[in-house]
């Protein structure tokens, strides 16, 4: 899914992206996305923050409001704590699957 989000954000097709971008650059984009999500995911985070602010004053005393993650409409079901090497390998696999070529 990440490649489709990146292609949409950059105004490209996934095929164009796989031709024009190296797997190492895709890995860097994936790492950046984990730190600073963009597109609809970012909008969902903002909506969840607003929901949390609205809910908080109405919670029972001593009870914590739902977390931002719990208020997200589509939570990521992938395993958490992916290493940089795992992300890099995932991006290489995507690039390879879509015919990407390694740049030197």
PDB file of N, CA and C in Angstrom:
ATOM      1  N   UNK A   1       0.805  -1.198   0.000  1.00  0.00           N
ATOM      2  CA  UNK A   1       0.000   0.000   0.000  1.00  0.00           C
ATOM      3  C   UNK A   1       0.854   1.271   0.000  1.00  0.00           C
ATOM      4  N   UNK A   2       2.018   1.191   0.649  1.00  0.00           N
ATOM      5  CA  UNK A   2       2.850   2.378   0.744  1.00  0.00           C
ATOM      6  C   UNK A   2       3.211   2.940  -0.630  1.00  0.00           C
ATOM      7  N   UNK A   3       3.560   2.071  -1.578  1.00  0.00           N
ATOM      8  CA  UNK A   3       3.951   2.560  -2.906  1.00  0.00           C
ATOM      9  C   UNK A   3       2.817   3.328  -3.576  1.00  0.00           C
ATOM     10  N   UNK A   4       1.588   2.882  -3.358  1.00  0.00           N
ATOM     11  CA  UNK A   4       0.452   3.587  -3.938  1.00  0.00           C
ATOM     12  C   UNK A   4       0.278   4.954  -3.285  1.00  0.00           C
ATOM     13  N   UNK A   5       0.466   5.030  -1.968  1.00  0.00           N
ATOM     14  CA  UNK A   5       0.375   6.320  -1.275  1.00  0.00           C
ATOM     15  C   UNK A   5       1.467   7.270  -1.747  1.00  0.00           C
ATOM     16  N   UNK A   6       2.679   6.746  -1.893  1.00  0.00           N
ATOM     17  CA  UNK A   6       3.789   7.579  -2.344  1.00  0.00           C
ATOM     18  C   UNK A   6       3.559   8.056  -3.777  1.00  0.00           C
ATOM     19  N   UNK A   7       3.121   7.162  -4.642  1.00  0.00           N
ATOM     20  CA  UNK A   7       2.849   7.538  -6.035  1.00  0.00           C
ATOM     21  C   UNK A   7       1.778   8.627  -6.099  1.00  0.00           C
ATOM     22  N   UNK A   8       0.732   8.468  -5.296  1.00  0.00           N
ATOM     23  CA  UNK A   8      -0.336   9.473  -5.262  1.00  0.00           C
ATOM     24  C   UNK A   8       0.201  10.817  -4.778  1.00  0.00           C
ATOM     25  N   UNK A   9       1.006  10.794  -3.724  1.00  0.00           N
ATOM     26  CA  UNK A   9       1.564  12.027  -3.165  1.00  0.00           C
ATOM     27  C   UNK A   9       2.490  12.734  -4.149  1.00  0.00           C
ATOM     28  N   UNK A  10       3.194  11.960  -4.977  1.00  0.00           N
ATOM     29  CA  UNK A  10       4.141  12.539  -5.930  1.00  0.00           C
ATOM     30  C   UNK A  10       3.539  12.773  -7.317  1.00  0.00           C
ATOM     31  N   UNK A  11       2.265  12.414  -7.472  1.00  0.00           N
ATOM     32  CA  UNK A  11       1.606  12.621  -8.764  1.00  0.00           C
ATOM     33  C   UNK A  11       2.125  11.710  -9.859  1.00  0.00           C
ATOM     34  N   UNK A  12       2.421  10.468  -9.497  1.00  0.00           N
ATOM     35  CA  UNK A  12       2.955   9.489 -10.450  1.00  0.00           C
ATOM     36  C   UNK A  12       2.122   8.216 -10.385  1.00  0.00           C
ATOM     37  N   UNK A  13       2.316   7.375 -11.365  1.00  0.00           N
ATOM     38  CA  UNK A  13       1.765   6.029 -11.273  1.00  0.00           C
ATOM     39  C   UNK A  13       2.793   5.173 -10.535  1.00  0.00           C
ATOM     40  N   UNK A  14       2.362   4.024 -10.034  1.00  0.00           N
ATOM     41  CA  UNK A  14       3.288   3.125  -9.354  1.00  0.00           C
ATOM     42  C   UNK A  14       4.351   2.655 -10.340  1.00  0.00           C
ATOM     43  N   UNK A  15       3.960   2.432 -11.579  1.00  0.00           N
ATOM     44  CA  UNK A  15       4.935   2.010 -12.593  1.00  0.00           C
ATOM     45  C   UNK A  15       5.994   3.090 -12.807  1.00  0.00           C
ATOM     46  N   UNK A  16       5.563   4.355 -12.953  1.00  0.00           N
ATOM     47  CA  UNK A  16       6.520   5.459 -13.105  1.00  0.00           C
ATOM     48  C   UNK A  16       7.463   5.523 -11.907  1.00  0.00           C
ATOM     49  N   UNK A  17       6.882   5.378 -10.738  1.00  0.00           N
ATOM     50  CA  UNK A  17       7.667   5.434  -9.510  1.00  0.00           C
ATOM     51  C   UNK A  17       8.725   4.340  -9.486  1.00  0.00           C
ATOM     52  N   UNK A  18       8.346   3.134  -9.870  1.00  0.00           N
ATOM     53  CA  UNK A  18       9.289   2.016  -9.838  1.00  0.00           C
ATOM     54  C   UNK A  18      10.404   2.169 -10.876  1.00  0.00           C
ATOM     55  N   UNK A  19      10.129   2.884 -11.942  1.00  0.00           N
ATOM     56  CA  UNK A  19      11.146   3.103 -12.978  1.00  0.00           C
ATOM     57  C   UNK A  19      12.088   4.241 -12.569  1.00  0.00           C
ATOM     58  N   UNK A  20      11.514   5.305 -12.028  1.00  0.00           N
ATOM     59  CA  UNK A  20      12.293   6.512 -11.769  1.00  0.00           C
ATOM     60  C   UNK A  20      12.980   6.559 -10.401  1.00  0.00           C
ATOM     61  N   UNK A  21      12.574   5.685  -9.471  1.00  0.00           N
ATOM     62  CA  UNK A  21      13.118   5.774  -8.121  1.00  0.00           C
ATOM     63  C   UNK A  21      13.858   4.491  -7.743  1.00  0.00           C
ATOM     64  N   UNK A  22      15.025   4.653  -7.168  1.00  0.00           N
ATOM     65  CA  UNK A  22      15.811   3.498  -6.737  1.00  0.00           C
ATOM     66  C   UNK A  22      15.183   2.878  -5.489  1.00  0.00           C
ATOM     67  N   UNK A  23      15.537   1.631  -5.227  1.00  0.00           N
ATOM     68  CA  UNK A  23      15.006   0.965  -4.036  1.00  0.00           C
ATOM     69  C   UNK A  23      15.525   1.626  -2.764  1.00  0.00           C
ATOM     70  N   UNK A  24      16.737   2.158  -2.803  1.00  0.00           N
ATOM     71  CA  UNK A  24      17.257   2.830  -1.602  1.00  0.00           C
ATOM     72  C   UNK A  24      16.480   4.117  -1.317  1.00  0.00           C
ATOM     73  N   UNK A  25      16.105   4.852  -2.371  1.00  0.00           N
ATOM     74  CA  UNK A  25      15.302   6.052  -2.147  1.00  0.00           C
ATOM     75  C   UNK A  25      13.908   5.683  -1.646  1.00  0.00           C
ATOM     76  N   UNK A  26      13.337   4.599  -2.178  1.00  0.00           N
ATOM     77  CA  UNK A  26      12.034   4.133  -1.683  1.00  0.00           C
ATOM     78  C   UNK A  26      12.124   3.777  -0.209  1.00  0.00           C
ATOM     79  N   UNK A  27      13.226   3.168   0.189  1.00  0.00           N
ATOM     80  CA  UNK A  27      13.434   2.824   1.603  1.00  0.00           C
ATOM     81  C   UNK A  27      13.461   4.087   2.457  1.00  0.00           C
ATOM     82  N   UNK A  28      14.123   5.109   1.952  1.00  0.00           N
ATOM     83  CA  UNK A  28      14.182   6.373   2.685  1.00  0.00           C
ATOM     84  C   UNK A  28      12.799   7.007   2.806  1.00  0.00           C
ATOM     85  N   UNK A  29      12.014   6.958   1.720  1.00  0.00           N
ATOM     86  CA  UNK A  29      10.650   7.476   1.770  1.00  0.00           C
ATOM     87  C   UNK A  29       9.804   6.696   2.774  1.00  0.00           C
ATOM     88  N   UNK A  30       9.976   5.370   2.807  1.00  0.00           N
ATOM     89  CA  UNK A  30       9.215   4.540   3.747  1.00  0.00           C
ATOM     90  C   UNK A  30       9.567   4.907   5.185  1.00  0.00           C
ATOM     91  N   UNK A  31      10.850   5.116   5.447  1.00  0.00           N
ATOM     92  CA  UNK A  31      11.283   5.508   6.789  1.00  0.00           C
ATOM     93  C   UNK A  31      10.719   6.887   7.145  1.00  0.00           C
ATOM     94  N   UNK A  32      10.768   7.803   6.206  1.00  0.00           N
ATOM     95  CA  UNK A  32      10.218   9.148   6.428  1.00  0.00           C
ATOM     96  C   UNK A  32       8.719   9.070   6.711  1.00  0.00           C
ATOM     97  N   UNK A  33       8.012   8.238   5.965  1.00  0.00           N
ATOM     98  CA  UNK A  33       6.561   8.102   6.129  1.00  0.00           C
ATOM     99  C   UNK A  33       6.202   7.591   7.521  1.00  0.00           C
ATOM    100  N   UNK A  34       7.036   6.711   8.064  1.00  0.00           N
ATOM    101  CA  UNK A  34       6.775   6.207   9.422  1.00  0.00           C
ATOM    102  C   UNK A  34       6.906   7.323  10.460  1.00  0.00           C
ATOM    103  N   UNK A  35       7.775   8.296  10.192  1.00  0.00           N
ATOM    104  CA  UNK A  35       7.980   9.414  11.116  1.00  0.00           C
ATOM    105  C   UNK A  35       6.960  10.518  10.850  1.00  0.00           C
ATOM    106  N   UNK A  36       6.747  10.840   9.599  1.00  0.00           N
ATOM    107  CA  UNK A  36       5.860  11.926   9.174  1.00  0.00           C
ATOM    108  C   UNK A  36       4.879  11.414   8.125  1.00  0.00           C
ATOM    109  N   UNK A  37       3.786  10.771   8.535  1.00  0.00           N
ATOM    110  CA  UNK A  37       2.840  10.279   7.526  1.00  0.00           C
ATOM    111  C   UNK A  37       2.232  11.439   6.731  1.00  0.00           C
ATOM    112  N   UNK A  38       1.892  11.166   5.491  1.00  0.00           N
ATOM    113  CA  UNK A  38       1.286  12.193   4.643  1.00  0.00           C
ATOM    114  C   UNK A  38       0.009  11.647   4.019  1.00  0.00           C
ATOM    115  N   UNK A  39      -0.794  12.549   3.467  1.00  0.00           N
ATOM    116  CA  UNK A  39      -2.036  12.140   2.809  1.00  0.00           C
ATOM    117  C   UNK A  39      -3.147  11.846   3.800  1.00  0.00           C
ATOM    118  N   UNK A  40      -4.016  10.913   3.448  1.00  0.00           N
ATOM    119  CA  UNK A  40      -5.191  10.606   4.263  1.00  0.00           C
ATOM    120  C   UNK A  40      -4.836  10.116   5.656  1.00  0.00           C
ATOM    121  N   UNK A  41      -3.729   9.416   5.803  1.00  0.00           N
ATOM    122  CA  UNK A  41      -3.326   8.937   7.128  1.00  0.00           C
ATOM    123  C   UNK A  41      -3.103  10.128   8.049  1.00  0.00           C
ATOM    124  N   UNK A  42      -2.440  11.134   7.544  1.00  0.00           N
ATOM    125  CA  UNK A  42      -2.186  12.343   8.341  1.00  0.00           C
ATOM    126  C   UNK A  42      -3.504  12.999   8.729  1.00  0.00           C
ATOM    127  N   UNK A  43      -4.439  13.067   7.809  1.00  0.00           N
ATOM    128  CA  UNK A  43      -5.751  13.645   8.092  1.00  0.00           C
ATOM    129  C   UNK A  43      -6.493  12.836   9.153  1.00  0.00           C
ATOM    130  N   UNK A  44      -6.371  11.509   9.101  1.00  0.00           N
ATOM    131  CA  UNK A  44      -7.002  10.655  10.104  1.00  0.00           C
ATOM    132  C   UNK A  44      -6.427  10.909  11.491  1.00  0.00           C
ATOM    133  N   UNK A  45      -5.115  11.135  11.575  1.00  0.00           N
ATOM    134  CA  UNK A  45      -4.480  11.452  12.859  1.00  0.00           C
ATOM    135  C   UNK A  45      -5.060  12.750  13.411  1.00  0.00           C
ATOM    136  N   UNK A  46      -5.179  13.755  12.564  1.00  0.00           N
ATOM    137  CA  UNK A  46      -5.736  15.036  13.015  1.00  0.00           C
ATOM    138  C   UNK A  46      -7.178  14.863  13.489  1.00  0.00           C
ATOM    139  N   UNK A  47      -7.981  14.112  12.755  1.00  0.00           N
ATOM    140  CA  UNK A  47      -9.375  13.873  13.159  1.00  0.00           C
ATOM    141  C   UNK A  47      -9.429  13.132  14.499  1.00  0.00           C
ATOM    142  N   UNK A  48      -8.554  12.167  14.691  1.00  0.00           N
ATOM    143  CA  UNK A  48      -8.508  11.419  15.956  1.00  0.00           C
ATOM    144  C   UNK A  48      -8.126  12.335  17.114  1.00  0.00           C
ATOM    145  N   UNK A  49      -7.211  13.270  16.867  1.00  0.00           N
ATOM    146  CA  UNK A  49      -6.818  14.215  17.918  1.00  0.00           C
ATOM    147  C   UNK A  49      -8.004  15.098  18.321  1.00  0.00           C
ATOM    148  N   UNK A  50      -8.776  15.524  17.348  1.00  0.00           N
ATOM    149  CA  UNK A  50      -9.961  16.344  17.637  1.00  0.00           C
ATOM    150  C   UNK A  50     -10.976  15.521  18.434  1.00  0.00           C
ATOM    151  N   UNK A  51     -11.195  14.278  18.011  1.00  0.00           N
ATOM    152  CA  UNK A  51     -12.124  13.396  18.739  1.00  0.00           C
ATOM    153  C   UNK A  51     -11.684  13.221  20.185  1.00  0.00           C
ATOM    154  N   UNK A  52     -10.395  13.009  20.385  1.00  0.00           N
ATOM    155  CA  UNK A  52      -9.880  12.821  21.738  1.00  0.00           C
ATOM    156  C   UNK A  52     -10.121  14.076  22.580  1.00  0.00           C
ATOM    157  N   UNK A  53      -9.937  15.244  21.983  1.00  0.00           N
ATOM    158  CA  UNK A  53     -10.164  16.502  22.704  1.00  0.00           C
ATOM    159  C   UNK A  53     -11.636  16.681  23.080  1.00  0.00           C
ATOM    160  N   UNK A  54     -12.527  16.245  22.208  1.00  0.00           N
ATOM    161  CA  UNK A  54     -13.963  16.366  22.472  1.00  0.00           C
ATOM    162  C   UNK A  54     -14.407  15.358  23.542  1.00  0.00           C
ATOM    163  N   UNK A  55     -13.851  14.164  23.508  1.00  0.00           N
ATOM    164  CA  UNK A  55     -14.234  13.099  24.437  1.00  0.00           C
ATOM    165  C   UNK A  55     -13.699  13.347  25.844  1.00  0.00           C
ATOM    166  N   UNK A  56     -12.482  13.829  25.963  1.00  0.00           N
ATOM    167  CA  UNK A  56     -11.784  13.950  27.251  1.00  0.00           C
ATOM    168  C   UNK A  56     -12.606  14.603  28.365  1.00  0.00           C
ATOM    169  N   UNK A  57     -13.244  15.759  28.146  1.00  0.00           N
ATOM    170  CA  UNK A  57     -13.975  16.387  29.252  1.00  0.00           C
ATOM    171  C   UNK A  57     -15.195  15.584  29.720  1.00  0.00           C
ATOM    172  N   UNK A  58     -15.632  14.641  28.919  1.00  0.00           N
ATOM    173  CA  UNK A  58     -16.837  13.878  29.243  1.00  0.00           C
ATOM    174  C   UNK A  58     -16.541  12.504  29.831  1.00  0.00           C
ATOM    175  N   UNK A  59     -15.280  12.214  30.052  1.00  0.00           N
ATOM    176  CA  UNK A  59     -14.898  10.913  30.603  1.00  0.00           C
ATOM    177  C   UNK A  59     -15.160  10.899  32.106  1.00  0.00           C
ATOM    178  N   UNK A  60     -15.432   9.685  32.633  1.00  0.00           N
ATOM    179  CA  UNK A  60     -15.573   9.510  34.079  1.00  0.00           C
ATOM    180  C   UNK A  60     -14.289   9.941  34.753  1.00  0.00           C
ATOM    181  N   UNK A  61     -14.422  10.498  35.940  1.00  0.00           N
ATOM    182  CA  UNK A  61     -13.235  10.946  36.672  1.00  0.00           C
ATOM    183  C   UNK A  61     -12.284   9.771  36.891  1.00  0.00           C
ATOM    184  N   UNK A  62     -11.002   9.989  36.580  1.00  0.00           N
ATOM    185  CA  UNK A  62      -9.984   8.961  36.753  1.00  0.00           C
ATOM    186  C   UNK A  62      -9.870   8.004  35.579  1.00  0.00           C
ATOM    187  N   UNK A  63     -10.772   8.085  34.614  1.00  0.00           N
ATOM    188  CA  UNK A  63     -10.729   7.207  33.449  1.00  0.00           C
ATOM    189  C   UNK A  63     -10.031   7.938  32.302  1.00  0.00           C
ATOM    190  N   UNK A  64      -9.135   7.235  31.611  1.00  0.00           N
ATOM    191  CA  UNK A  64      -8.383   7.830  30.502  1.00  0.00           C
ATOM    192  C   UNK A  64      -9.207   7.772  29.211  1.00  0.00           C
ATOM    193  N   UNK A  65      -9.123   8.817  28.404  1.00  0.00           N
ATOM    194  CA  UNK A  65      -9.815   8.774  27.107  1.00  0.00           C
ATOM    195  C   UNK A  65      -9.111   7.793  26.171  1.00  0.00           C
ATOM    196  N   UNK A  66      -9.785   7.372  25.100  1.00  0.00           N
ATOM    197  CA  UNK A  66      -9.138   6.473  24.130  1.00  0.00           C
ATOM    198  C   UNK A  66      -7.888   7.141  23.547  1.00  0.00           C
ATOM    199  N   UNK A  67      -6.916   6.325  23.203  1.00  0.00           N
ATOM    200  CA  UNK A  67      -5.690   6.847  22.598  1.00  0.00           C
ATOM    201  C   UNK A  67      -5.970   7.268  21.153  1.00  0.00           C
ATOM    202  N   UNK A  68      -5.048   8.025  20.600  1.00  0.00           N
ATOM    203  CA  UNK A  68      -5.163   8.442  19.201  1.00  0.00           C
ATOM    204  C   UNK A  68      -5.280   7.207  18.309  1.00  0.00           C
ATOM    205  N   UNK A  69      -4.460   6.190  18.568  1.00  0.00           N
ATOM    206  CA  UNK A  69      -4.467   4.969  17.759  1.00  0.00           C
ATOM    207  C   UNK A  69      -5.829   4.276  17.808  1.00  0.00           C
ATOM    208  N   UNK A  70      -6.458   4.283  18.987  1.00  0.00           N
ATOM    209  CA  UNK A  70      -7.765   3.638  19.123  1.00  0.00           C
ATOM    210  C   UNK A  70      -8.855   4.389  18.373  1.00  0.00           C
ATOM    211  N   UNK A  71      -8.647   5.679  18.127  1.00  0.00           N
ATOM    212  CA  UNK A  71      -9.638   6.500  17.429  1.00  0.00           C
ATOM    213  C   UNK A  71      -9.411   6.559  15.919  1.00  0.00           C
ATOM    214  N   UNK A  72      -8.353   5.940  15.455  1.00  0.00           N
ATOM    215  CA  UNK A  72      -8.067   5.933  14.014  1.00  0.00           C
ATOM    216  C   UNK A  72      -9.059   5.009  13.310  1.00  0.00           C
ATOM    217  N   UNK A  73      -9.625   5.444  12.189  1.00  0.00           N
ATOM    218  CA  UNK A  73     -10.607   4.604  11.503  1.00  0.00           C
ATOM    219  C   UNK A  73     -10.025   3.314  10.935  1.00  0.00           C
ATOM    220  N   UNK A  74      -8.799   3.371  10.441  1.00  0.00           N
ATOM    221  CA  UNK A  74      -8.176   2.186   9.865  1.00  0.00           C
ATOM    222  C   UNK A  74      -6.805   2.037  10.499  1.00  0.00           C
ATOM    223  N   UNK A  75      -6.738   1.269  11.559  1.00  0.00           N
ATOM    224  CA  UNK A  75      -5.456   1.084  12.233  1.00  0.00           C
ATOM    225  C   UNK A  75      -4.599   0.121  11.438  1.00  0.00           C
ATOM    226  N   UNK A  76      -3.307   0.399  11.425  1.00  0.00           N
ATOM    227  CA  UNK A  76      -2.345  -0.455  10.745  1.00  0.00           C
ATOM    228  C   UNK A  76      -2.247  -1.775  11.494  1.00  0.00           C
ATOM    229  N   UNK A  77      -2.448  -2.876  10.785  1.00  0.00           N
ATOM    230  CA  UNK A  77      -2.415  -4.182  11.437  1.00  0.00           C
ATOM    231  C   UNK A  77      -1.067  -4.872  11.282  1.00  0.00           C
ATOM    232  N   UNK A  78      -0.109  -4.197  10.635  1.00  0.00           N
ATOM    233  CA  UNK A  78       1.216  -4.788  10.490  1.00  0.00           C
ATOM    234  C   UNK A  78       1.881  -4.869  11.849  1.00  0.00           C
ATOM    235  N   UNK A  79       2.850  -5.759  11.958  1.00  0.00           N
ATOM    236  CA  UNK A  79       3.582  -5.860  13.215  1.00  0.00           C
ATOM    237  C   UNK A  79       4.295  -4.548  13.497  1.00  0.00           C
ATOM    238  N   UNK A  80       4.403  -4.226  14.756  1.00  0.00           N
ATOM    239  CA  UNK A  80       5.069  -2.988  15.143  1.00  0.00           C
ATOM    240  C   UNK A  80       6.554  -3.242  15.338  1.00  0.00           C
ATOM    241  N   UNK A  81       7.313  -2.181  15.292  1.00  0.00           N
ATOM    242  CA  UNK A  81       8.725  -2.279  15.586  1.00  0.00           C
ATOM    243  C   UNK A  81       9.567  -2.859  14.456  1.00  0.00           C
ATOM    244  N   UNK A  82       9.169  -2.601  13.231  1.00  0.00           N
ATOM    245  CA  UNK A  82       9.925  -3.091  12.089  1.00  0.00           C
ATOM    246  C   UNK A  82      11.300  -2.417  12.071  1.00  0.00           C
ATOM    247  N   UNK A  83      12.317  -3.200  11.838  1.00  0.00           N
ATOM    248  CA  UNK A  83      13.670  -2.645  11.805  1.00  0.00           C
ATOM    249  C   UNK A  83      13.913  -1.935  10.470  1.00  0.00           C
ATOM    250  N   UNK A  84      14.969  -1.133  10.430  1.00  0.00           N
ATOM    251  CA  UNK A  84      15.341  -0.434   9.196  1.00  0.00           C
ATOM    252  C   UNK A  84      15.665  -1.440   8.095  1.00  0.00           C
ATOM    253  N   UNK A  85      16.335  -2.530   8.448  1.00  0.00           N
ATOM    254  CA  UNK A  85      16.666  -3.554   7.454  1.00  0.00           C
ATOM    255  C   UNK A  85      15.403  -4.231   6.908  1.00  0.00           C
ATOM    256  N   UNK A  86      14.433  -4.477   7.781  1.00  0.00           N
ATOM    257  CA  UNK A  86      13.172  -5.075   7.329  1.00  0.00           C
ATOM    258  C   UNK A  86      12.434  -4.135   6.381  1.00  0.00           C
ATOM    259  N   UNK A  87      12.426  -2.835   6.710  1.00  0.00           N
ATOM    260  CA  UNK A  87      11.776  -1.858   5.836  1.00  0.00           C
ATOM    261  C   UNK A  87      12.489  -1.778   4.492  1.00  0.00           C
ATOM    262  N   UNK A  88      13.812  -1.778   4.540  1.00  0.00           N
ATOM    263  CA  UNK A  88      14.609  -1.705   3.316  1.00  0.00           C
ATOM    264  C   UNK A  88      14.327  -2.916   2.426  1.00  0.00           C
ATOM    265  N   UNK A  89      14.279  -4.096   3.034  1.00  0.00           N
ATOM    266  CA  UNK A  89      14.010  -5.318   2.278  1.00  0.00           C
ATOM    267  C   UNK A  89      12.606  -5.282   1.685  1.00  0.00           C
ATOM    268  N   UNK A  90      11.626  -4.788   2.454  1.00  0.00           N
ATOM    269  CA  UNK A  90      10.264  -4.677   1.960  1.00  0.00           C
ATOM    270  C   UNK A  90      10.218  -3.775   0.725  1.00  0.00           C
ATOM    271  N   UNK A  91      10.899  -2.645   0.784  1.00  0.00           N
ATOM    272  CA  UNK A  91      10.923  -1.721  -0.356  1.00  0.00           C
ATOM    273  C   UNK A  91      11.624  -2.335  -1.560  1.00  0.00           C
ATOM    274  N   UNK A  92      12.702  -3.070  -1.313  1.00  0.00           N
ATOM    275  CA  UNK A  92      13.388  -3.759  -2.413  1.00  0.00           C
ATOM    276  C   UNK A  92      12.460  -4.782  -3.060  1.00  0.00           C
ATOM    277  N   UNK A  93      11.710  -5.508  -2.220  1.00  0.00           N
ATOM    278  CA  UNK A  93      10.763  -6.494  -2.752  1.00  0.00           C
ATOM    279  C   UNK A  93       9.694  -5.828  -3.604  1.00  0.00           C
ATOM    280  N   UNK A  94       9.174  -4.677  -3.123  1.00  0.00           N
ATOM    281  CA  UNK A  94       8.168  -3.947  -3.891  1.00  0.00           C
ATOM    282  C   UNK A  94       8.760  -3.480  -5.221  1.00  0.00           C
ATOM    283  N   UNK A  95       9.937  -2.883  -5.145  1.00  0.00           N
ATOM    284  CA  UNK A  95      10.572  -2.373  -6.362  1.00  0.00           C
ATOM    285  C   UNK A  95      10.795  -3.495  -7.363  1.00  0.00           C
ATOM    286  N   UNK A  96      11.269  -4.612  -6.886  1.00  0.00           N
ATOM    287  CA  UNK A  96      11.513  -5.768  -7.753  1.00  0.00           C
ATOM    288  C   UNK A  96      10.211  -6.288  -8.359  1.00  0.00           C
ATOM    289  N   UNK A  97       9.173  -6.354  -7.533  1.00  0.00           N
ATOM    290  CA  UNK A  97       7.882  -6.859  -8.009  1.00  0.00           C
ATOM    291  C   UNK A  97       7.288  -5.977  -9.100  1.00  0.00           C
ATOM    292  N   UNK A  98       7.583  -4.668  -9.030  1.00  0.00           N
ATOM    293  CA  UNK A  98       7.045  -3.742 -10.022  1.00  0.00           C
ATOM    294  C   UNK A  98       8.045  -3.406 -11.119  1.00  0.00           C
ATOM    295  N   UNK A  99       9.102  -4.202 -11.232  1.00  0.00           N
ATOM    296  CA  UNK A  99      10.045  -4.040 -12.318  1.00  0.00           C
ATOM    297  C   UNK A  99      11.064  -2.938 -12.124  1.00  0.00           C
ATOM    298  N   UNK A 100      11.225  -2.463 -10.901  1.00  0.00           N
ATOM    299  CA  UNK A 100      12.206  -1.419 -10.634  1.00  0.00           C
ATOM    300  C   UNK A 100      13.625  -1.904 -10.881  1.00  0.00           C
ATOM    301  N   UNK A 101      14.453  -1.000 -11.293  1.00  0.00           N
ATOM    302  CA  UNK A 101      15.839  -1.337 -11.569  1.00  0.00           C
ATOM    303  C   UNK A 101      16.734  -0.674 -10.545  1.00  0.00           C
ATOM    304  N   UNK A 102      17.773  -1.374 -10.116  1.00  0.00           N
ATOM    305  CA  UNK A 102      18.717  -0.829  -9.144  1.00  0.00           C
ATOM    306  C   UNK A 102      19.589   0.218  -9.811  1.00  0.00           C
ATOM    307  N   UNK A 103      19.709   1.355  -9.158  1.00  0.00           N
ATOM    308  CA  UNK A 103      20.573   2.429  -9.661  1.00  0.00           C
ATOM    309  C   UNK A 103      21.913   2.346  -8.960  1.00  0.00           C
ATOM    310  N   UNK A 104      22.923   2.680  -9.659  1.00  0.00           N
ATOM    311  CA  UNK A 104      24.274   2.690  -9.063  1.00  0.00           C
ATOM    312  C   UNK A 104      24.654   4.104  -8.720  1.00  0.00           C
TER     313      UNK A 104
END
